[in-house]
C-alpha atoms as a PDB file:
ATOM      1  CA  UNK A   1      -0.161   0.155   0.037  1.00  0.00           C
ATOM      2  CA  UNK A   2       1.403   3.542  -0.947  1.00  0.00           C
ATOM      3  CA  UNK A   3       1.432   5.717   1.680  1.00  0.00           C
ATOM      4  CA  UNK A   4       0.318   9.649   1.512  1.00  0.00           C
ATOM      5  CA  UNK A   5       0.271  13.321   2.993  1.00  0.00           C
ATOM      6  CA  UNK A   6      -2.587  13.795   4.561  1.00  0.00           C
ATOM      7  CA  UNK A   7      -3.999  17.082   6.284  1.00  0.00           C
ATOM      8  CA  UNK A   8      -6.723  16.088   9.422  1.00  0.00           C
ATOM      9  CA  UNK A   9      -8.311  18.464  10.792  1.00  0.00           C
ATOM     10  CA  UNK A  10      -9.903  17.498  14.136  1.00  0.00           C
ATOM     11  CA  UNK A  11     -11.847  18.712  17.807  1.00  0.00           C
ATOM     12  CA  UNK A  12     -10.154  19.821  20.416  1.00  0.00           C
ATOM     13  CA  UNK A  13     -11.679  15.569  21.902  1.00  0.00           C
ATOM     14  CA  UNK A  14      -9.695  14.297  18.896  1.00  0.00           C
ATOM     15  CA  UNK A  15     -12.683  14.414  16.980  1.00  0.00           C
ATOM     16  CA  UNK A  16     -11.667  14.162  12.787  1.00  0.00           C
ATOM     17  CA  UNK A  17     -13.754  16.242  11.654  1.00  0.00           C
ATOM     18  CA  UNK A  18     -12.196  17.141   8.054  1.00  0.00           C
ATOM     19  CA  UNK A  19      -9.419  14.842   5.955  1.00  0.00           C
ATOM     20  CA  UNK A  20      -7.937  16.203   2.580  1.00  0.00           C
ATOM     21  CA  UNK A  21      -4.450  16.296   0.620  1.00  0.00           C
ATOM     22  CA  UNK A  22      -1.976  18.896   1.224  1.00  0.00           C
ATOM     23  CA  UNK A  23      -0.755  19.551  -1.778  1.00  0.00           C
ATOM     24  CA  UNK A  24      -2.518  19.512  -5.480  1.00  0.00           C
ATOM     25  CA  UNK A  25      -0.995  20.141  -9.287  1.00  0.00           C
ATOM     26  CA  UNK A  26      -2.814  22.423 -11.252  1.00  0.00           C
ATOM     27  CA  UNK A  27      -2.174  23.376 -15.037  1.00  0.00           C
ATOM     28  CA  UNK A  28       1.102  20.791 -14.163  1.00  0.00           C
ATOM     29  CA  UNK A  29       2.217  23.002 -11.527  1.00  0.00           C
ATOM     30  CA  UNK A  30       2.989  21.741  -7.227  1.00  0.00           C
ATOM     31  CA  UNK A  31       0.964  23.661  -5.270  1.00  0.00           C
ATOM     32  CA  UNK A  32       0.881  23.365  -1.778  1.00  0.00           C
ATOM     33  CA  UNK A  33      -1.924  24.042   0.743  1.00  0.00           C
ATOM     34  CA  UNK A  34      -2.090  24.964   3.925  1.00  0.00           C
ATOM     35  CA  UNK A  35      -6.060  23.242   6.228  1.00  0.00           C
ATOM     36  CA  UNK A  36      -7.625  25.638   8.130  1.00  0.00           C
ATOM     37  CA  UNK A  37      -8.848  24.385  11.369  1.00  0.00           C
ATOM     38  CA  UNK A  38     -12.430  26.527  12.466  1.00  0.00           C
ATOM     39  CA  UNK A  39     -13.596  27.344  15.802  1.00  0.00           C
ATOM     40  CA  UNK A  40     -11.616  24.600  18.446  1.00  0.00           C
ATOM     41  CA  UNK A  41     -10.629  22.972  16.060  1.00  0.00           C
ATOM     42  CA  UNK A  42      -6.449  21.528  14.642  1.00  0.00           C
ATOM     43  CA  UNK A  43      -4.974  20.518  12.159  1.00  0.00           C
ATOM     44  CA  UNK A  44      -2.579  17.505  12.006  1.00  0.00           C
ATOM     45  CA  UNK A  45      -0.190  16.764   9.273  1.00  0.00           C
ATOM     46  CA  UNK A  46       0.179  13.616   8.978  1.00  0.00           C
ATOM     47  CA  UNK A  47       1.500  10.879   5.793  1.00  0.00           C
ATOM     48  CA  UNK A  48      -1.529   7.805   6.393  1.00  0.00           C
ATOM     49  CA  UNK A  49      -2.193   4.422   3.787  1.00  0.00           C
ATOM     50  CA  UNK A  50      -4.235   6.087   0.426  1.00  0.00           C
ATOM     51  CA  UNK A  51      -7.247   2.611   1.248  1.00  0.00           C
ATOM     52  CA  UNK A  52      -6.978   3.963   4.576  1.00  0.00           C
ATOM     53  CA  UNK A  53      -8.012   7.535   3.997  1.00  0.00           C
ATOM     54  CA  UNK A  54     -12.027   7.667   3.785  1.00  0.00           C
ATOM     55  CA  UNK A  55     -12.044   5.478   6.794  1.00  0.00           C
ATOM     56  CA  UNK A  56     -10.357   7.980   9.473  1.00  0.00           C
ATOM     57  CA  UNK A  57     -13.437   9.480   9.865  1.00  0.00           C
ATOM     58  CA  UNK A  58     -14.862   6.097  11.848  1.00  0.00           C
ATOM     59  CA  UNK A  59     -11.378   4.380  12.706  1.00  0.00           C
ATOM     60  CA  UNK A  60      -9.405   7.707  13.994  1.00  0.00           C
ATOM     61  CA  UNK A  61      -8.656   9.868  16.577  1.00  0.00           C
ATOM     62  CA  UNK A  62      -5.843  12.169  17.275  1.00  0.00           C
ATOM     63  CA  UNK A  63      -3.877  11.911  20.462  1.00  0.00           C
ATOM     64  CA  UNK A  64      -2.074  14.949  21.924  1.00  0.00           C
ATOM     65  CA  UNK A  65      -0.409  15.650  17.607  1.00  0.00           C
ATOM     66  CA  UNK A  66      -0.756  11.971  16.862  1.00  0.00           C
ATOM     67  CA  UNK A  67      -3.249   9.420  14.697  1.00  0.00           C
ATOM     68  CA  UNK A  68      -4.162   6.679  17.152  1.00  0.00           C
ATOM     69  CA  UNK A  69      -7.397   3.796  16.550  1.00  0.00           C
ATOM     70  CA  UNK A  70      -9.679   4.119  18.358  1.00  0.00           C
ATOM     71  CA  UNK A  71     -10.729   1.731  21.421  1.00  0.00           C
END
């Protein structure tokens, strides 16, 4: 499986609310993005398995600055 760099937006309680790529290519130009969280949210930039991205909301939480499986 390939790993990809993702921005994980999460509540301060650890609940993941959004996941998205940190880069994109537009017109052949590579761009680096900056994720922005809302009130009482933080951003974790980490590498995850591509196959796991869609399920992160259900399978993981953020503890400190680490992505961890739910108990």
